[in-house]
Amino acid sequence: MAEVPSTFQLKAGQSVPDFSLQDGKGESHTLANLRDGKNGLLVAFVCNHCPFVVHLAGSFGQFAREIGEKGIQTVAISANDVDNYPADAPPKMVEFAAANGWEFPYLYDESQDVAKSYAAACTPDFYLFDAEGKLTYAGQYDETRPGRGGEAHGGDLRRAVEDLLSGQPTAEPWYPSTGCNIKWKPGGAPDYFG
């Protein structure tokens, strides 16, 4: 499996790109509703079949519960082309979320426009925003990867959340997430890949 890194096109302090998407059950979720009254928002681009996502999926479910208790909402988004990757279709998203204890919204970006607005490149790809909707961290969950580096623990993202809650910036450089490339629709790959 080829590893694709984060693009880091979205920079510290930039505003969270807006979205309105449906989850695997067809229920709509908006950015405004997800942010309402929260201390922050974690946006993760993921999918069901990628080994890099599977590697951290259980840990990520627990992590999201922990930060939820601190007022940070988590949302996951899949933007993969389900015509060519049916394992990532919305009904399978519901199954994957349940199997991994994901209690947060898991949304489907059918148009792939939301993924492009974040300059997302891989699954998983993480973006942490403060209560004002400003980016405070983008990058890896932790240094582990499937088949090497032990069990996922979320150390990098955990430190970024602690920084956010204490009002401190997360020091750069941020280390890129790596994973499977987002499965773009034919002719739909964004120009930020060159």
Foldseek 3Di string as FASTA:
>chain_A
DDKDWALCPADFFDFQDWDWFAALVGDIDTPCVQLPPAFKEKEKEAFQPWQQCVQCLQLVLVVQVVVVVVRYAYEYEYAAACVVVVCRHSVNRVVSCVVRNRPHGYGYPPVCVSCVVVSGWFHTWMFMAGSVRGTQDTAAQDDDGPPDDDGRNSVLVVVSSVCSVVVHGDDDDHHIHMTHTRHADVVGDDPSVD
